[in-house]
Protein backbone atom coordinates (compact mmCIF):
# COMPACT_ATOMS: atom_id res chain seq x y z
CA UNK A 1 -32.68 12.65 -5.26
CA UNK A 2 -36.43 12.99 -6.19
CA UNK A 3 -36.99 14.54 -9.62
CA UNK A 4 -38.57 17.76 -10.25
CA UNK A 5 -42.24 17.47 -9.25
CA UNK A 6 -45.15 20.00 -10.09
CA UNK A 7 -48.81 20.29 -9.55
CA UNK A 8 -50.45 20.00 -12.58
CA UNK A 9 -54.24 21.42 -12.68
CA UNK A 10 -56.95 21.05 -15.10
CA UNK A 11 -60.32 22.03 -14.86
CA UNK A 12 -61.94 19.75 -12.84
CA UNK A 13 -58.84 17.49 -11.48
CA UNK A 14 -55.49 18.00 -9.92
CA UNK A 15 -52.62 15.91 -10.00
CA UNK A 16 -48.51 15.90 -9.85
CA UNK A 17 -46.17 15.32 -12.45
CA UNK A 18 -42.66 14.75 -12.99
CA UNK A 19 -40.40 12.61 -15.37
CA UNK A 20 -42.06 9.25 -14.55
CA UNK A 21 -45.50 10.55 -15.31
CA UNK A 22 -48.91 11.95 -13.20
CA UNK A 23 -49.44 10.69 -9.85
CA UNK A 24 -52.32 11.79 -7.76
CA UNK A 25 -51.41 14.44 -5.07
CA UNK A 26 -50.91 14.02 -1.32
CA UNK A 27 -52.77 16.81 0.75
CA UNK A 28 -48.77 17.59 2.03
CA UNK A 29 -48.19 18.37 -1.81
CA UNK A 30 -51.09 20.63 -2.39
CA UNK A 31 -49.39 22.96 -0.28
CA UNK A 32 -45.57 22.65 -1.01
CA UNK A 33 -45.15 21.88 -4.63
CA UNK A 34 -45.49 24.73 -7.69
CA UNK A 35 -48.52 24.60 -9.19
CA UNK A 36 -49.60 25.55 -12.71
CA UNK A 37 -52.37 25.12 -15.52
CA UNK A 38 -53.45 25.77 -18.96
CA UNK A 39 -56.17 28.32 -19.67
CA UNK A 40 -58.70 27.78 -22.88
CA UNK A 41 -58.44 30.40 -25.20
CA UNK A 42 -62.06 30.99 -24.81
CA UNK A 43 -61.86 32.54 -21.90
CA UNK A 44 -59.20 34.89 -22.55
CA UNK A 45 -59.38 38.57 -24.09
CA UNK A 46 -56.81 38.58 -27.19
CA UNK A 47 -55.60 41.66 -29.19
CA UNK A 48 -52.61 42.32 -31.42
CA UNK A 49 -50.97 45.71 -31.52
CA UNK A 50 -48.57 47.82 -33.08
CA UNK A 51 -46.04 49.68 -31.34
CA UNK A 52 -42.52 50.62 -31.53
CA UNK A 53 -39.77 48.46 -31.07
CA UNK A 54 -37.52 50.38 -29.43
CA UNK A 55 -39.78 50.68 -25.89
CA UNK A 56 -38.16 48.89 -22.87
CA UNK A 57 -40.54 45.60 -21.55
CA UNK A 58 -41.95 48.17 -18.56
CA UNK A 59 -42.71 51.08 -21.09
CA UNK A 60 -44.10 48.31 -23.45
CA UNK A 61 -46.13 46.69 -20.86
CA UNK A 62 -47.74 50.21 -19.49
CA UNK A 63 -48.37 51.50 -23.24
CA UNK A 64 -50.00 47.55 -23.64
CA UNK A 65 -52.37 47.82 -20.54
CA UNK A 66 -53.35 51.37 -21.75
CA UNK A 67 -54.14 50.35 -25.22
CA UNK A 68 -55.71 47.03 -24.32
CA UNK A 69 -58.70 49.06 -22.46
CA UNK A 70 -58.95 51.54 -25.08
CA UNK A 71 -59.02 48.88 -27.79
CA UNK A 72 -58.96 45.11 -26.31
CA UNK A 73 -63.11 45.42 -25.40
CA UNK A 74 -61.74 44.94 -21.72
CA UNK A 75 -64.42 45.95 -18.99
CA UNK A 76 -63.11 48.56 -17.21
CA UNK A 77 -65.27 47.07 -14.09
CA UNK A 78 -63.46 44.11 -14.24
CA UNK A 79 -59.58 43.12 -13.22
CA UNK A 80 -57.71 41.30 -15.97
CA UNK A 81 -54.17 40.22 -15.80
CA UNK A 82 -52.62 41.18 -18.84
CA UNK A 83 -49.25 39.58 -20.59
CA UNK A 84 -48.09 40.02 -24.09
CA UNK A 85 -45.49 38.77 -26.54
CA UNK A 86 -43.53 40.61 -28.18
CA UNK A 87 -42.73 40.13 -32.09
CA UNK A 88 -40.06 41.25 -34.13
CA UNK A 89 -41.10 42.25 -37.50
CA UNK A 90 -38.49 41.97 -40.63
CA UNK A 91 -37.15 45.55 -41.70
CA UNK A 92 -39.81 47.47 -39.82
CA UNK A 93 -38.99 49.57 -36.16
CA UNK A 94 -42.19 48.72 -35.11
CA UNK A 95 -43.04 45.14 -32.89
CA UNK A 96 -45.82 42.90 -33.55
CA UNK A 97 -47.41 42.56 -29.87
CA UNK A 98 -50.03 39.71 -29.23
CA UNK A 99 -51.84 40.70 -25.99
CA UNK A 100 -53.69 38.32 -23.93
CA UNK A 101 -55.70 39.39 -20.95
CA UNK A 102 -57.34 36.97 -18.19
CA UNK A 103 -60.52 37.64 -16.54
CA UNK A 104 -59.98 37.34 -12.61
CA UNK A 105 -63.65 36.83 -12.10
CA UNK A 106 -63.69 34.24 -15.06
CA UNK A 107 -60.48 32.07 -14.01
CA UNK A 108 -62.10 32.03 -10.54
CA UNK A 109 -65.15 30.44 -11.57
CA UNK A 110 -63.27 28.28 -14.42
CA UNK A 111 -60.73 27.12 -11.53
CA UNK A 112 -62.86 27.38 -8.47
CA UNK A 113 -63.04 23.65 -7.42
CA UNK A 114 -58.92 23.10 -7.99
CA UNK A 115 -58.61 26.71 -5.74
CA UNK A 116 -60.32 25.44 -2.71
CA UNK A 117 -57.51 22.72 -2.92
CA UNK A 118 -54.28 24.35 -3.57
CA UNK A 119 -55.23 28.30 -2.56
CA UNK A 120 -52.79 29.27 -5.73
CA UNK A 121 -52.02 28.77 -9.00
CA UNK A 122 -48.31 29.78 -9.86
CA UNK A 123 -48.36 29.60 -13.35
CA UNK A 124 -51.44 29.93 -15.81
CA UNK A 125 -50.60 30.01 -19.90
CA UNK A 126 -52.80 29.30 -23.03
CA UNK A 127 -51.88 25.46 -24.24
CA UNK A 128 -50.17 26.56 -27.80
CA UNK A 129 -47.31 27.57 -26.34
CA UNK A 130 -46.55 24.33 -25.42
CA UNK A 131 -45.56 23.08 -28.43
CA UNK A 132 -42.17 24.74 -28.54
CA UNK A 133 -40.95 22.32 -25.85
CA UNK A 134 -41.00 19.82 -28.80
CA UNK A 135 -37.96 21.08 -30.60
CA UNK A 136 -35.60 19.40 -28.19
CA UNK A 137 -36.09 16.32 -30.29
CA UNK A 138 -37.75 18.00 -33.39
CA UNK A 139 -35.57 19.99 -36.32
CA UNK A 140 -36.98 23.52 -35.97
CA UNK A 141 -38.55 24.62 -39.20
CA UNK A 142 -41.63 26.26 -40.07
CA UNK A 143 -44.19 24.63 -38.88
CA UNK A 144 -47.69 24.25 -37.99
CA UNK A 145 -48.73 22.18 -34.92
CA UNK A 146 -52.85 21.53 -35.00
CA UNK A 147 -54.31 20.26 -31.72
CA UNK A 148 -57.97 18.82 -32.14
CA UNK A 149 -59.37 17.92 -28.52
CA UNK A 150 -63.15 17.67 -27.36
CA UNK A 151 -63.23 21.04 -25.46
CA UNK A 152 -60.60 23.22 -27.18
CA UNK A 153 -59.11 23.19 -30.75
CA UNK A 154 -56.45 25.20 -32.23
CA UNK A 155 -53.82 25.95 -35.02
CA UNK A 156 -49.94 26.92 -34.03
CA UNK A 157 -47.50 28.62 -36.11
CA UNK A 158 -43.96 28.21 -35.56
CA UNK A 159 -40.93 29.96 -37.17
CA UNK A 160 -37.87 28.37 -37.01
CA UNK A 161 -38.83 26.73 -33.41
CA UNK A 162 -40.32 30.42 -32.47
CA UNK A 163 -43.54 30.89 -31.71
CA UNK A 164 -45.20 33.90 -33.84
CA UNK A 165 -49.14 33.12 -34.58
CA UNK A 166 -52.31 30.51 -33.53
CA UNK A 167 -55.74 30.60 -34.56
CA UNK A 168 -58.62 28.75 -32.82
CA UNK A 169 -60.51 26.16 -34.84
CA UNK A 170 -63.79 24.38 -34.19
CA UNK A 171 -63.46 21.23 -31.35
CA UNK A 172 -64.36 17.82 -31.83
CA UNK A 173 -67.57 18.25 -29.60
CA UNK A 174 -68.92 21.07 -32.08
CA UNK A 175 -67.76 19.16 -35.37
CA UNK A 176 -69.85 16.33 -33.76
CA UNK A 177 -73.07 18.48 -33.27
CA UNK A 178 -72.88 19.97 -36.90
CA UNK A 179 -72.43 16.74 -38.18
CA UNK A 180 -74.90 14.69 -36.23
CA UNK A 181 -72.29 12.30 -35.18
CA UNK A 182 -71.65 11.15 -31.30
CA UNK A 183 -68.29 11.98 -30.24
CA UNK A 184 -66.80 8.36 -30.40
CA UNK A 185 -68.01 7.80 -33.86
CA UNK A 186 -66.39 10.99 -35.09
CA UNK A 187 -63.32 10.29 -34.01
CA UNK A 188 -63.34 6.99 -35.28
CA UNK A 189 -64.44 8.25 -38.82
CA UNK A 190 -61.21 10.36 -38.58
CA UNK A 191 -59.05 8.11 -37.54
CA UNK A 192 -59.76 5.20 -39.96
CA UNK A 193 -61.63 6.87 -42.85
CA UNK A 194 -60.52 10.62 -42.56
CA UNK A 195 -61.39 12.61 -45.70
CA UNK A 196 -61.02 9.71 -48.46
CA UNK A 197 -64.51 9.48 -50.15
CA UNK A 198 -63.95 6.14 -51.00
CA UNK A 199 -63.47 5.04 -47.51
CA UNK A 200 -67.46 5.94 -47.13
CA UNK A 201 -70.27 3.55 -47.48
CA UNK A 202 -72.97 5.03 -49.87
CA UNK A 203 -75.60 5.36 -46.84
CA UNK A 204 -72.25 6.97 -45.56
CA UNK A 205 -71.48 9.59 -48.06
CA UNK A 206 -73.73 12.15 -46.39
CA UNK A 207 -71.54 12.16 -43.34
CA UNK A 208 -68.63 12.37 -44.83
CA UNK A 209 -69.45 15.48 -47.19
CA UNK A 210 -70.62 17.11 -43.91
CA UNK A 211 -67.62 15.94 -41.84
CA UNK A 212 -65.22 17.20 -45.02
CA UNK A 213 -67.17 20.44 -45.03
CA UNK A 214 -66.55 21.21 -41.80
CA UNK A 215 -62.73 19.97 -41.53
CA UNK A 216 -62.02 22.13 -44.68
CA UNK A 217 -63.43 25.24 -43.25
CA UNK A 218 -61.15 24.83 -40.37
CA UNK A 219 -58.02 24.26 -42.56
CA UNK A 220 -58.98 27.44 -44.37
CA UNK A 221 -58.99 29.73 -41.59
CA UNK A 222 -55.74 28.17 -40.49
CA UNK A 223 -54.53 28.79 -44.20
CA UNK A 224 -55.77 32.45 -43.96
CA UNK A 225 -53.14 32.64 -40.76
CA UNK A 226 -50.27 31.35 -42.49
CA UNK A 227 -50.85 34.01 -45.32
CA UNK A 228 -51.54 36.71 -43.38
CA UNK A 229 -48.13 36.29 -41.69
CA UNK A 230 -46.12 35.69 -44.76
CA UNK A 231 -45.80 39.00 -45.25
CA UNK A 232 -45.12 39.93 -41.38
CA UNK A 233 -42.23 37.53 -40.74
CA UNK A 234 -41.09 36.54 -44.15
CA UNK A 235 -42.72 33.30 -43.79
CA UNK A 236 -41.59 31.12 -46.70
CA UNK A 237 -44.31 28.26 -46.53
CA UNK A 238 -44.87 25.57 -44.14
CA UNK A 239 -42.09 22.59 -43.76
CA UNK A 240 -44.38 19.97 -41.18
CA UNK A 241 -47.81 19.68 -40.33
CA UNK A 242 -47.89 18.08 -36.60
CA UNK A 243 -51.06 17.05 -35.73
CA UNK A 244 -51.98 16.37 -32.25
CA UNK A 245 -54.69 13.92 -32.14
CA UNK A 246 -54.54 11.37 -29.93
CA UNK A 247 -51.61 9.98 -31.72
CA UNK A 248 -53.58 9.32 -34.49
CA UNK A 249 -53.57 11.10 -38.00
CA UNK A 250 -56.50 12.16 -40.23
CA UNK A 251 -56.39 10.28 -44.25
CA UNK A 252 -56.81 12.86 -46.90
CA UNK A 253 -56.17 16.12 -44.62
CA UNK A 254 -53.09 16.90 -46.67
CA UNK A 255 -55.36 16.52 -49.54
CA UNK A 256 -57.26 19.76 -48.10
CA UNK A 257 -53.96 21.40 -47.22
CA UNK A 258 -52.91 21.05 -50.99
CA UNK A 259 -56.30 22.57 -52.18
CA UNK A 260 -55.66 25.70 -50.44
CA UNK A 261 -52.10 26.25 -51.75
CA UNK A 262 -49.95 24.41 -49.15
CA UNK A 263 -49.11 21.08 -50.94
CA UNK A 264 -46.35 18.21 -50.71
CA UNK A 265 -47.27 18.39 -46.89
CA UNK A 266 -47.24 15.10 -44.96
CA UNK A 267 -49.19 14.73 -41.79
CA UNK A 268 -47.19 13.54 -38.66
CA UNK A 269 -49.24 12.50 -35.85
CA UNK A 270 -47.37 13.55 -32.35
CA UNK A 271 -46.26 10.85 -30.04
CA UNK A 272 -44.09 11.11 -26.78
CA UNK A 273 -42.39 7.88 -25.78
CA UNK A 274 -43.65 5.58 -23.10
CA UNK A 275 -46.90 7.79 -23.01
CA UNK A 276 -50.21 6.56 -24.80
CA UNK A 277 -51.79 8.37 -26.85
CA UNK A 278 -54.97 9.45 -25.11
CA UNK A 279 -52.22 11.25 -22.67
CA UNK A 280 -50.21 12.60 -24.66
CA UNK A 281 -51.63 16.25 -24.77
CA UNK A 282 -52.00 16.43 -21.38
CA UNK A 283 -48.33 14.93 -20.71
CA UNK A 284 -47.01 17.34 -23.06
CA UNK A 285 -49.01 20.18 -20.96
CA UNK A 286 -47.16 19.05 -17.73
CA UNK A 287 -43.59 18.54 -19.21
CA UNK A 288 -43.70 22.22 -20.37
CA UNK A 289 -45.00 23.99 -17.35
CA UNK A 290 -42.69 21.92 -15.18
CA UNK A 291 -39.63 22.78 -17.31
CA UNK A 292 -40.54 26.65 -18.50
CA UNK A 293 -38.64 29.12 -16.85
CA UNK A 294 -40.00 32.34 -17.91
CA UNK A 295 -43.56 31.67 -19.45
CA UNK A 296 -46.68 33.98 -21.06
CA UNK A 297 -48.28 33.66 -17.19
CA UNK A 298 -52.00 35.19 -16.59
CA UNK A 299 -52.24 34.10 -13.17
CA UNK A 300 -54.14 36.04 -10.67
CA UNK A 301 -53.62 33.47 -8.13
CA UNK A 302 -49.87 33.63 -7.46
CA UNK A 303 -48.61 32.24 -4.40
CA UNK A 304 -48.06 34.63 -1.65
CA UNK A 305 -44.60 35.08 -0.61
CA UNK A 306 -43.93 33.62 3.07
CA UNK A 307 -45.17 36.10 5.78
CA UNK A 308 -41.91 37.82 6.43
CA UNK A 309 -41.22 38.56 2.94
CA UNK A 310 -44.43 40.46 2.65
CA UNK A 311 -45.25 44.12 3.76
CA UNK A 312 -47.68 42.87 5.97
CA UNK A 313 -45.38 40.78 7.25
CA UNK A 314 -42.35 42.97 7.57
CA UNK A 315 -44.91 45.38 9.41
CA UNK A 316 -46.14 42.55 11.73
CA UNK A 317 -42.66 41.52 12.34
CA UNK A 318 -41.52 45.53 13.15
CA UNK A 319 -44.87 45.53 15.34
CA UNK A 320 -43.94 42.54 17.34
CA UNK A 321 -40.66 43.51 17.73
CA UNK A 322 -41.34 46.64 18.99
CA UNK A 323 -44.13 45.01 21.18
CA UNK A 324 -41.43 42.47 22.51
CA UNK A 325 -38.98 45.72 23.11
CA UNK A 326 -41.73 47.52 25.00
CA UNK A 327 -42.63 44.39 27.38
CA UNK A 328 -38.56 43.75 27.74
CA UNK A 329 -38.68 47.20 28.95
CA UNK A 330 -41.67 47.23 30.51
CA UNK A 331 -40.25 44.24 32.74
CA UNK A 332 -37.07 46.29 33.20
CA UNK A 333 -38.56 49.51 34.44
CA UNK A 334 -41.33 46.93 36.65
CA UNK A 335 -37.73 45.32 37.85
CA UNK A 336 -36.21 48.49 38.47
CA UNK A 337 -39.16 49.55 40.55
CA UNK A 338 -39.47 46.75 42.63
CA UNK A 339 -35.87 46.87 43.20
CA UNK A 340 -36.09 50.60 44.47
CA UNK A 341 -39.02 50.01 46.65
CA UNK A 342 -37.27 47.06 48.04
CA UNK A 343 -34.37 49.04 48.45
CA UNK A 344 -36.44 51.91 50.30
CA UNK A 345 -38.31 49.59 52.66
CA UNK A 346 -34.59 48.74 53.41
CA UNK A 347 -33.36 52.02 53.83
CA UNK A 348 -36.32 52.94 55.63
CA UNK A 349 -36.02 50.23 58.49
CA UNK A 350 -32.71 51.51 58.71
CA UNK A 351 -33.78 54.57 59.13
CA UNK A 352 -36.04 53.84 61.92
CA UNK A 353 -33.39 52.17 63.68
CA UNK A 354 -30.73 54.94 63.23
CA UNK A 355 -33.98 57.35 64.96
CA UNK A 356 -33.76 54.87 67.90
CA UNK A 357 -30.01 54.61 68.37
CA UNK A 358 -29.71 58.29 68.19
CA UNK A 359 -32.58 59.48 70.02
CA UNK A 360 -30.51 59.56 73.80
CA UNK A 361 -27.66 60.78 71.61
CA UNK A 362 -29.78 63.80 70.56
CA UNK A 363 -30.84 64.59 74.17
CA UNK A 364 -26.95 64.90 75.17
CA UNK A 365 -26.76 67.06 71.85
CA UNK A 366 -29.35 69.34 73.01
CA UNK A 367 -27.99 69.62 76.61
CA UNK A 368 -24.47 70.25 75.28
CA UNK A 369 -25.56 72.73 72.53
CA UNK A 370 -27.31 74.94 75.04
CA UNK A 371 -23.98 74.77 77.56
CA UNK A 372 -21.92 75.72 74.17
CA UNK A 373 -24.38 78.70 73.22
CA UNK A 374 -23.85 79.71 77.28
CA UNK A 375 -20.01 79.30 76.95
CA UNK A 376 -19.71 81.18 73.59
CA UNK A 377 -21.97 83.68 74.96
CA UNK A 378 -19.42 84.03 77.95
CA UNK A 379 -16.29 83.90 75.51
CA UNK A 380 -17.85 86.73 73.43
CA UNK A 381 -18.01 88.89 76.36
CA UNK A 382 -14.27 88.49 77.03
CA UNK A 383 -13.45 89.09 73.68
CA UNK A 384 -14.96 92.21 73.55
CA UNK A 385 -13.60 93.21 76.89
CA UNK A 386 -10.20 92.11 75.47
CA UNK A 387 -10.75 94.23 72.88
CA UNK A 388 -11.53 97.37 74.70
CA UNK A 389 -8.10 96.54 76.70
CA UNK A 390 -6.28 96.23 73.44
CA UNK A 391 -7.77 99.78 72.02
CA UNK A 392 -6.92 101.45 75.07
CA UNK A 393 -3.27 100.02 75.09
CA UNK A 394 -2.87 101.00 70.90
CA UNK A 395 -4.46 104.35 72.30
CA UNK A 396 -2.11 104.77 75.56
CA UNK A 397 0.76 103.95 72.60
CA UNK A 398 -0.27 106.40 70.42
CA UNK A 399 -0.51 108.95 72.98
CA UNK A 400 2.86 108.36 74.27
CA UNK A 401 4.42 108.26 70.81
CA UNK A 402 2.65 111.56 69.85
CA UNK A 403 4.10 113.14 73.42
CA UNK A 404 7.35 111.23 72.05
CA UNK A 405 7.64 112.77 68.92
CA UNK A 406 6.35 116.14 70.38
CA UNK A 407 9.14 116.71 72.69
CA UNK A 408 11.33 115.09 70.25
CA UNK A 409 10.30 118.12 67.68
CA UNK A 410 10.68 121.02 70.83
CA UNK A 411 14.29 119.49 70.99
CA UNK A 412 15.58 119.04 67.84
CA UNK A 413 14.16 122.78 67.13
CA UNK A 414 15.37 124.27 70.62
CA UNK A 415 18.79 122.66 69.48
CA UNK A 416 19.23 124.13 66.65
CA UNK A 417 18.13 127.84 68.20
CA UNK A 418 20.94 127.16 70.33
CA UNK A 419 23.52 126.28 67.86
CA UNK A 420 23.38 129.53 66.19
CA UNK A 421 22.28 131.28 69.14
CA UNK A 422 19.14 132.43 67.74
CA UNK A 423 16.26 133.31 69.99
CA UNK A 424 12.53 132.48 69.22
CA UNK A 425 9.78 135.20 70.35
CA UNK A 426 7.05 132.26 69.95
CA UNK A 427 7.30 128.66 69.68
CA UNK A 428 3.78 126.89 68.76
CA UNK A 429 3.70 123.04 68.40
CA UNK A 430 -0.02 122.33 66.44
CA UNK A 431 0.95 118.91 66.48
CA UNK A 432 3.84 116.32 66.42
CA UNK A 433 3.74 117.40 62.54
CA UNK A 434 3.68 121.24 62.70
CA UNK A 435 5.44 123.66 64.39
CA UNK A 436 5.68 127.44 64.18
CA UNK A 437 8.76 129.67 65.22
CA UNK A 438 9.13 133.22 65.31
CA UNK A 439 13.01 133.51 65.05
CA UNK A 440 14.84 136.79 66.42
CA UNK A 441 18.16 137.58 65.37
CA UNK A 442 20.28 140.80 65.00
CA UNK A 443 20.08 141.90 61.73
CA UNK A 444 23.58 141.08 60.92
CA UNK A 445 23.29 137.69 61.78
CA UNK A 446 20.29 136.82 59.36
CA UNK A 447 22.14 134.63 57.72
CA UNK A 448 21.74 132.35 60.72
CA UNK A 449 17.98 131.74 60.17
CA UNK A 450 18.65 129.75 56.46
CA UNK A 451 21.55 127.97 58.56
CA UNK A 452 18.74 126.94 60.99
CA UNK A 453 16.22 125.90 58.35
CA UNK A 454 19.21 123.87 56.95
CA UNK A 455 19.97 121.95 60.02
CA UNK A 456 16.36 121.22 60.49
CA UNK A 457 16.33 119.65 57.00
CA UNK A 458 19.21 117.55 57.70
CA UNK A 459 17.34 116.47 60.68
CA UNK A 460 14.96 114.55 58.41
CA UNK A 461 11.75 117.12 58.66
CA UNK A 462 10.35 117.14 55.10
CA UNK A 463 9.50 121.08 54.49
CA UNK A 464 10.93 124.19 56.48
CA UNK A 465 9.59 127.73 55.11
CA UNK A 466 9.84 131.23 56.57
CA UNK A 467 6.71 133.25 55.61
CA UNK A 468 6.57 136.51 57.49
CA UNK A 469 9.75 138.64 57.72
CA UNK A 470 9.81 141.80 59.68
CA UNK A 471 12.65 144.39 60.78
CA UNK A 472 12.13 146.08 64.41
CA UNK A 473 14.01 148.64 66.63
CA UNK A 474 15.15 150.67 63.80
CA UNK A 475 15.83 148.31 61.44
CA UNK A 476 18.20 146.33 63.93
CA UNK A 477 15.96 143.24 64.72
CA UNK A 478 14.94 140.75 62.05
CA UNK A 479 11.85 138.83 62.84
CA UNK A 480 10.91 135.56 61.01
CA UNK A 481 7.92 133.24 60.95
CA UNK A 482 9.37 129.43 60.48
CA UNK A 483 7.01 126.67 59.57
CA UNK A 484 8.62 123.72 60.13
CA UNK A 485 6.41 120.30 58.92
CA UNK A 486 7.57 116.75 60.25
C-alpha cells in the first residue's frame, strides 16, 4: 500500500512529501492530495492574553477574537484567521493564551504563486511548532531549540516535551549584512571558527567581534524569554540546547549561554537519518505536517467540501431534484393530456359512427313517439270515461244502500211500534241516520214507550231519546216525541 503523502508548500516551491522523501508532484496530485505550509513569523500578529482557565474552547475563542481586535493591533478593515494555544499556569486559575492572527491579504500575497496551482492550503502553521515531533526519539526535558535560517530564525522553548514559548531572532541574512560578510562566508565562519577568538586570523578579528556581538545579542533575547517563563511555568532550567543549523554546530556558542547564566550547556546539532543536513529543516516541517492531527492552523484557504456537502451544493441538489420532479410531473401531465386527447378523438369518431347508425332509428323513434302520444291521448279519454262510470256506479250503490238503510230503519221502528201496540202520529225520517217519532199511547200504557226505546237499543241503534211528553184528551192520552239515531 502506498505511504501517506502530503503536498508541502513553500513560498515559491511545491513538492510532495512522504516517508521516503520529497518528489515533484503531478497535476493530478495537485488537486487530490492534502496540502500544508509553514508561515514565517513576520506575517503573523502575535499577542499574549491572560484569561480564565475555566472557559470552554468556544468561549475562549470568542474572548480571544474580541480582545485581539481591541489589544492585538489588528486592522478592522482586514480579515484574519485567528488561532491560539492555551497554556495552563501553575497554581493559577487563569490561563496564558498565546494568540496568532494571519492577515488574509498578506497570506494571499505570500502564497499567491502556489495558490494558482493548488487552489487550497489545508494547514498553515508557524515553524516553531514542528519541534514537538522530535520527542518521539528525544528525551522529554526542558529544552531550547534554535533555528538559524537565511529567511527566518527563532528560538523555541519546550517544557517536558510541551511547547511553552518562542522568540524571533535575527536571520543569517540580516547578520551577514550587519557584519559585512556574504552569506556563504558567514556560514563558513560559524561552521568552522564559531565564536572562539583564537580561531580567527588577526585581520579577521574585526569580523569576529561583529559576529560575536550579533550572536550574543540574539542569545540575550532568548535567555530573557527563558527567564520570563520561569515564574509562569515553574521552569527550573534548560536541559538541552538543540541547534537547527544545517546539521552543524557553532563552536563557542555554549560560552555565550554561560555568560548569560545558562551554564554547563552542550550545543546539540539536529539531524535526521538518511536526510542531508541542508534538507533537515524542510524535512522536519514536512514530516510534522504529514503526521500532526490537531495543529495550530491559520489557513484562510481551507479546501472546499465536495459540492454535495456544501450548503450551496445542498441547495443546488434540492433545486435540481425539484426541477427534475417538476419535469417528471410535466411529462406525466403531458402524457396524460395526450392520452386524454387521443381518447377524446377515439370517442368522437365512435360518436359520429353512432350518430350515423342511429339516424334511421331516430326517424322511427319519432314516428313511434307520435303514435304513442296519440294512443296515450285516447287512453286518457277512455280512463276518464271509466272513472265517470265508476263514480256513477258508486253513487248508485250509495243511493241504494241509503234507501235500504232508510227502509230498514222504518221497518225496525214499525216492528217495535206494533210489538207494543203503539201508534205514531208522525214518523219523520231526516236521513238514513236519524228518525223522529211522535208516539201516542194510552196513559195507562205509557211504560210501553220505554220498552219501545229499549227495543230500538237492542236492534243496534246508538241513541234513543224522548224530547217532548204531553198529556191530551183530558189526561187520557200520552204523546211522546222520540228521536232515534242510527
